[in-house]
Every structure is written in structure tokens, then in C-alpha cells.
C-alpha atoms as a PDB file:
ATOM      1  CA  UNK A   1       2.058   8.723 -12.464  1.00  0.00           C
ATOM      2  CA  UNK A   2      -0.953   6.530 -12.990  1.00  0.00           C
ATOM      3  CA  UNK A   3      -1.478   4.733  -9.671  1.00  0.00           C
ATOM      4  CA  UNK A   4      -3.222   1.513 -10.656  1.00  0.00           C
ATOM      5  CA  UNK A   5      -3.287   0.194  -7.081  1.00  0.00           C
ATOM      6  CA  UNK A   6      -2.241   1.399  -3.635  1.00  0.00           C
ATOM      7  CA  UNK A   7      -2.053  -1.590  -1.295  1.00  0.00           C
ATOM      8  CA  UNK A   8      -1.220  -2.008   2.370  1.00  0.00           C
ATOM      9  CA  UNK A   9       0.246  -5.444   2.932  1.00  0.00           C
ATOM     10  CA  UNK A  10       3.151  -5.838   5.309  1.00  0.00           C
ATOM     11  CA  UNK A  11       4.393  -8.801   3.252  1.00  0.00           C
ATOM     12  CA  UNK A  12       4.876  -6.314   0.384  1.00  0.00           C
ATOM     13  CA  UNK A  13       5.867  -8.134  -2.839  1.00  0.00           C
ATOM     14  CA  UNK A  14       4.681 -11.750  -2.432  1.00  0.00           C
ATOM     15  CA  UNK A  15       2.574 -14.390  -4.175  1.00  0.00           C
ATOM     16  CA  UNK A  16      -0.830 -12.631  -4.157  1.00  0.00           C
ATOM     17  CA  UNK A  17       0.682  -9.383  -5.384  1.00  0.00           C
ATOM     18  CA  UNK A  18       2.780 -11.044  -8.075  1.00  0.00           C
ATOM     19  CA  UNK A  19       0.245 -13.580  -9.361  1.00  0.00           C
ATOM     20  CA  UNK A  20      -3.008 -11.622  -9.159  1.00  0.00           C
ATOM     21  CA  UNK A  21      -2.634  -7.896  -8.510  1.00  0.00           C
ATOM     22  CA  UNK A  22       0.233  -7.273 -10.921  1.00  0.00           C
ATOM     23  CA  UNK A  23      -1.597  -9.088 -13.728  1.00  0.00           C
ATOM     24  CA  UNK A  24      -5.005  -7.577 -12.989  1.00  0.00           C
ATOM     25  CA  UNK A  25      -3.667  -4.000 -12.820  1.00  0.00           C
ATOM     26  CA  UNK A  26      -1.196  -4.443 -15.717  1.00  0.00           C
ATOM     27  CA  UNK A  27       1.326  -2.404 -13.725  1.00  0.00           C
ATOM     28  CA  UNK A  28       4.711  -1.557 -15.193  1.00  0.00           C
ATOM     29  CA  UNK A  29       6.322  -0.727 -11.882  1.00  0.00           C
ATOM     30  CA  UNK A  30       5.975  -1.766  -8.231  1.00  0.00           C
ATOM     31  CA  UNK A  31       7.083   0.826  -5.733  1.00  0.00           C
ATOM     32  CA  UNK A  32       7.524  -0.077  -2.075  1.00  0.00           C
ATOM     33  CA  UNK A  33       7.092   3.145  -0.103  1.00  0.00           C
ATOM     34  CA  UNK A  34       8.702   2.910   3.335  1.00  0.00           C
ATOM     35  CA  UNK A  35      11.404   4.934   5.074  1.00  0.00           C
ATOM     36  CA  UNK A  36      12.826   2.041   7.108  1.00  0.00           C
ATOM     37  CA  UNK A  37      13.039  -0.518   4.310  1.00  0.00           C
ATOM     38  CA  UNK A  38      14.544   2.030   1.897  1.00  0.00           C
ATOM     39  CA  UNK A  39      17.483   2.296   4.326  1.00  0.00           C
ATOM     40  CA  UNK A  40      17.937  -1.499   4.622  1.00  0.00           C
ATOM     41  CA  UNK A  41      20.059  -2.703   1.669  1.00  0.00           C
ATOM     42  CA  UNK A  42      19.343  -6.395   2.243  1.00  0.00           C
ATOM     43  CA  UNK A  43      15.550  -6.090   2.409  1.00  0.00           C
ATOM     44  CA  UNK A  44      15.608  -3.619  -0.465  1.00  0.00           C
ATOM     45  CA  UNK A  45      17.612  -5.996  -2.673  1.00  0.00           C
ATOM     46  CA  UNK A  46      15.405  -8.979  -1.813  1.00  0.00           C
ATOM     47  CA  UNK A  47      12.211  -7.072  -2.653  1.00  0.00           C
ATOM     48  CA  UNK A  48      13.576  -5.879  -5.974  1.00  0.00           C
ATOM     49  CA  UNK A  49      14.632  -9.445  -6.886  1.00  0.00           C
ATOM     50  CA  UNK A  50      11.180 -10.969  -6.290  1.00  0.00           C
ATOM     51  CA  UNK A  51       9.379  -8.649  -8.691  1.00  0.00           C
ATOM     52  CA  UNK A  52       7.883 -10.565 -11.600  1.00  0.00           C
ATOM     53  CA  UNK A  53       9.660 -10.457 -14.979  1.00  0.00           C
ATOM     54  CA  UNK A  54       8.837  -7.354 -16.996  1.00  0.00           C
ATOM     55  CA  UNK A  55       7.937  -5.286 -13.953  1.00  0.00           C
ATOM     56  CA  UNK A  56      10.434  -2.857 -12.484  1.00  0.00           C
ATOM     57  CA  UNK A  57      10.552  -2.716  -8.693  1.00  0.00           C
ATOM     58  CA  UNK A  58      11.770   0.135  -6.532  1.00  0.00           C
ATOM     59  CA  UNK A  59      12.014   0.717  -2.800  1.00  0.00           C
ATOM     60  CA  UNK A  60      11.911   4.379  -1.851  1.00  0.00           C
ATOM     61  CA  UNK A  61      11.331   6.508   1.218  1.00  0.00           C
ATOM     62  CA  UNK A  62       8.117   8.482   1.525  1.00  0.00           C
ATOM     63  CA  UNK A  63       9.635  11.816   0.486  1.00  0.00           C
ATOM     64  CA  UNK A  64      11.120  10.276  -2.652  1.00  0.00           C
ATOM     65  CA  UNK A  65       7.810   8.587  -3.477  1.00  0.00           C
ATOM     66  CA  UNK A  66       6.150  12.016  -3.419  1.00  0.00           C
ATOM     67  CA  UNK A  67       8.885  13.504  -5.639  1.00  0.00           C
ATOM     68  CA  UNK A  68       8.643  10.627  -8.123  1.00  0.00           C
ATOM     69  CA  UNK A  69       4.848  10.993  -8.285  1.00  0.00           C
ATOM     70  CA  UNK A  70       5.213  14.670  -9.170  1.00  0.00           C
ATOM     71  CA  UNK A  71       7.984  14.103 -11.734  1.00  0.00           C
ATOM     72  CA  UNK A  72       6.532  14.506 -15.253  1.00  0.00           C
ATOM     73  CA  UNK A  73       9.005  11.865 -16.474  1.00  0.00           C
ATOM     74  CA  UNK A  74       6.783   9.230 -14.800  1.00  0.00           C
ATOM     75  CA  UNK A  75       3.417  10.760 -15.777  1.00  0.00           C
ATOM     76  CA  UNK A  76       2.386   7.762 -17.905  1.00  0.00           C
ATOM     77  CA  UNK A  77       3.869   5.044 -15.689  1.00  0.00           C
ATOM     78  CA  UNK A  78       1.355   2.467 -14.429  1.00  0.00           C
ATOM     79  CA  UNK A  79       2.483   2.056 -10.825  1.00  0.00           C
ATOM     80  CA  UNK A  80       1.411  -0.288  -8.071  1.00  0.00           C
ATOM     81  CA  UNK A  81       2.292   1.252  -4.699  1.00  0.00           C
ATOM     82  CA  UNK A  82       2.923  -1.006  -1.716  1.00  0.00           C
ATOM     83  CA  UNK A  83       2.874   0.061   1.935  1.00  0.00           C
ATOM     84  CA  UNK A  84       3.268  -1.629   5.297  1.00  0.00           C
ATOM     85  CA  UNK A  85       0.987   0.765   7.175  1.00  0.00           C
ATOM     86  CA  UNK A  86      -1.679   3.472   6.685  1.00  0.00           C
ATOM     87  CA  UNK A  87       0.472   6.230   8.192  1.00  0.00           C
ATOM     88  CA  UNK A  88       2.796   6.085   5.171  1.00  0.00           C
ATOM     89  CA  UNK A  89      -0.220   6.249   2.822  1.00  0.00           C
ATOM     90  CA  UNK A  90      -1.493   9.304   4.689  1.00  0.00           C
ATOM     91  CA  UNK A  91       1.926  10.981   4.342  1.00  0.00           C
ATOM     92  CA  UNK A  92       1.767  10.520   0.558  1.00  0.00           C
ATOM     93  CA  UNK A  93      -1.799  11.841   0.358  1.00  0.00           C
ATOM     94  CA  UNK A  94      -0.835  14.846   2.507  1.00  0.00           C
ATOM     95  CA  UNK A  95       2.128  15.326   0.164  1.00  0.00           C
ATOM     96  CA  UNK A  96      -0.218  15.730  -2.790  1.00  0.00           C
ATOM     97  CA  UNK A  97      -0.197  12.194  -4.193  1.00  0.00           C
ATOM     98  CA  UNK A  98      -3.536  11.377  -5.819  1.00  0.00           C
ATOM     99  CA  UNK A  99      -4.534   8.174  -4.069  1.00  0.00           C
ATOM    100  CA  UNK A 100      -8.320   7.697  -4.307  1.00  0.00           C
ATOM    101  CA  UNK A 101      -8.551   4.140  -3.022  1.00  0.00           C
ATOM    102  CA  UNK A 102      -6.439   1.905  -0.808  1.00  0.00           C
ATOM    103  CA  UNK A 103      -6.611  -1.865  -0.833  1.00  0.00           C
ATOM    104  CA  UNK A 104      -5.799  -3.403   2.539  1.00  0.00           C
ATOM    105  CA  UNK A 105      -4.530  -6.941   2.103  1.00  0.00           C
ATOM    106  CA  UNK A 106      -2.718  -7.772   5.283  1.00  0.00           C
ATOM    107  CA  UNK A 107      -1.411  -6.201   8.460  1.00  0.00           C
ATOM    108  CA  UNK A 108      -0.033  -8.853  10.773  1.00  0.00           C
ATOM    109  CA  UNK A 109      -0.787  -9.140  14.479  1.00  0.00           C
ATOM    110  CA  UNK A 110       1.835  -7.894  16.904  1.00  0.00           C
ATOM    111  CA  UNK A 111       1.809  -6.861  20.531  1.00  0.00           C
ATOM    112  CA  UNK A 112      -0.229  -3.686  20.915  1.00  0.00           C
ATOM    113  CA  UNK A 113      -2.484  -4.466  17.957  1.00  0.00           C
ATOM    114  CA  UNK A 114      -6.021  -5.799  17.893  1.00  0.00           C
ATOM    115  CA  UNK A 115      -7.201  -8.182  15.231  1.00  0.00           C
ATOM    116  CA  UNK A 116     -10.148  -6.861  13.175  1.00  0.00           C
ATOM    117  CA  UNK A 117     -10.156  -9.564  10.451  1.00  0.00           C
ATOM    118  CA  UNK A 118      -8.209 -12.785   9.936  1.00  0.00           C
ATOM    119  CA  UNK A 119      -5.553 -10.861   8.005  1.00  0.00           C
ATOM    120  CA  UNK A 120      -5.677  -7.367   9.490  1.00  0.00           C
ATOM    121  CA  UNK A 121      -4.602  -6.115  12.904  1.00  0.00           C
ATOM    122  CA  UNK A 122      -4.425  -2.455  13.884  1.00  0.00           C
ATOM    123  CA  UNK A 123      -3.141  -0.245  16.654  1.00  0.00           C
ATOM    124  CA  UNK A 124      -4.415   3.216  17.589  1.00  0.00           C
ATOM    125  CA  UNK A 125      -1.978   4.947  15.208  1.00  0.00           C
ATOM    126  CA  UNK A 126      -3.274   2.807  12.327  1.00  0.00           C
ATOM    127  CA  UNK A 127      -6.888   3.623  13.235  1.00  0.00           C
ATOM    128  CA  UNK A 128      -6.139   7.353  13.331  1.00  0.00           C
ATOM    129  CA  UNK A 129      -4.410   7.214   9.936  1.00  0.00           C
ATOM    130  CA  UNK A 130      -7.299   5.225   8.425  1.00  0.00           C
ATOM    131  CA  UNK A 131      -9.770   7.744   9.863  1.00  0.00           C
ATOM    132  CA  UNK A 132      -7.769  10.649   8.391  1.00  0.00           C
ATOM    133  CA  UNK A 133      -7.697   8.947   4.968  1.00  0.00           C
ATOM    134  CA  UNK A 134     -11.447   8.245   5.206  1.00  0.00           C
ATOM    135  CA  UNK A 135     -12.081  11.900   6.116  1.00  0.00           C
ATOM    136  CA  UNK A 136     -10.207  12.908   2.950  1.00  0.00           C
ATOM    137  CA  UNK A 137     -12.555  10.754   0.877  1.00  0.00           C
ATOM    138  CA  UNK A 138     -10.101   7.917   0.228  1.00  0.00           C
ATOM    139  CA  UNK A 139     -11.842   4.567  -0.274  1.00  0.00           C
ATOM    140  CA  UNK A 140     -10.502   1.936   2.142  1.00  0.00           C
ATOM    141  CA  UNK A 141     -11.322  -1.556   0.923  1.00  0.00           C
ATOM    142  CA  UNK A 142     -10.325  -4.945   2.229  1.00  0.00           C
ATOM    143  CA  UNK A 143      -9.512  -7.634  -0.333  1.00  0.00           C
ATOM    144  CA  UNK A 144      -6.804 -10.255  -0.445  1.00  0.00           C
ATOM    145  CA  UNK A 145      -7.092 -10.919  -4.165  1.00  0.00           C
ATOM    146  CA  UNK A 146      -8.971  -9.351  -7.065  1.00  0.00           C
ATOM    147  CA  UNK A 147     -11.683 -12.027  -7.113  1.00  0.00           C
ATOM    148  CA  UNK A 148     -12.714 -11.309  -3.485  1.00  0.00           C
ATOM    149  CA  UNK A 149     -15.599  -8.934  -2.831  1.00  0.00           C
ATOM    150  CA  UNK A 150     -14.644  -5.512  -1.528  1.00  0.00           C
ATOM    151  CA  UNK A 151     -15.274  -5.002   2.178  1.00  0.00           C
ATOM    152  CA  UNK A 152     -15.327  -1.494   3.623  1.00  0.00           C
ATOM    153  CA  UNK A 153     -12.598  -1.116   6.244  1.00  0.00           C
ATOM    154  CA  UNK A 154     -14.402   1.629   8.148  1.00  0.00           C
ATOM    155  CA  UNK A 155     -17.415  -0.659   8.631  1.00  0.00           C
ATOM    156  CA  UNK A 156     -15.136  -3.356  10.007  1.00  0.00           C
ATOM    157  CA  UNK A 157     -13.393  -0.895  12.343  1.00  0.00           C
ATOM    158  CA  UNK A 158     -16.891  -0.154  13.548  1.00  0.00           C
ATOM    159  CA  UNK A 159     -17.900   1.277  16.868  1.00  0.00           C
ATOM    160  CA  UNK A 160     -15.859   3.867  18.626  1.00  0.00           C
ATOM    161  CA  UNK A 161     -14.183   5.094  15.454  1.00  0.00           C
END
């Protein structure tokens, strides 16, 4: 599988992804990787329906995402992977998936999270997963759309981490 973009954005398939990232990356397939959503038939159906024409969408659990990545049948597929959190990305990387860079587009604020940019809020579990990805040499860059300048997530996380 040719991973053209791995993106954390808890809105998953939405306007920015459809109008800019899908076109810029020329992806053939969007794969939402999340255990919880893969078990929710309504959310799964809605996500698959909002994929742009000509792009196949799938919603799979993390274990299946790893199996699909390793399946030679998909070796030439240009895939855009979507995640809601860095822990799921780390699970794929630990499972042998070749993710070299992660784009962080949006992680909404909730109780127990601290806001580090206008669009990104993290809790301690997120910070630990980002640190583990960084330690493995995975680039962690913040950008909403392709025309924005890359911002290094680890610099934004800053002191104490």
C-alpha cells in the first residue's frame, strides 16, 4: 500500500479532506482506521457515503488496517489513512505499517484535554503516543490544508515533553 497521507482529524472525512487533501494526494482510497467506529454501522455508513466520487472509502479496525497494509493485493493502492487519535497511529506503526509522516489537522477540545493550537487539544495519552511516534522517527506536522505551512507538533507541545 502506498500511503499518500496519514492524517489525524477527529472529523475524519469532511470538507478539507475531500476538497484539498484528496485532490492534492490523488488518493484512490480513504481508509478510516478506528476500532470504535468500525463497530458502529451508522457512523460507518455515513463516512462511506461522504467520500468524493471516484474514491473508495472504508472504515476498518486497527488490526484489519494492518492486515490490509500487508496484503500484496493492495500494494499499488494510493491510500489516505484517517485517524481520530495518535494512539491508533502508533498501533499501526507498531504493527509494521510504514507511516513516515503524520499530518495533524484537528483534535477537538474535551474535558481532560488541553488546547495546544486553535484546532488541536491533547490529553496525556495523546502526548505519550505522539512522543512514541516522534521517537520512532515519524514526522508530526500540523496543517489544516495543503497550502498551510508545516508546523512541527513536537515544538508546539514544547516544555515538559
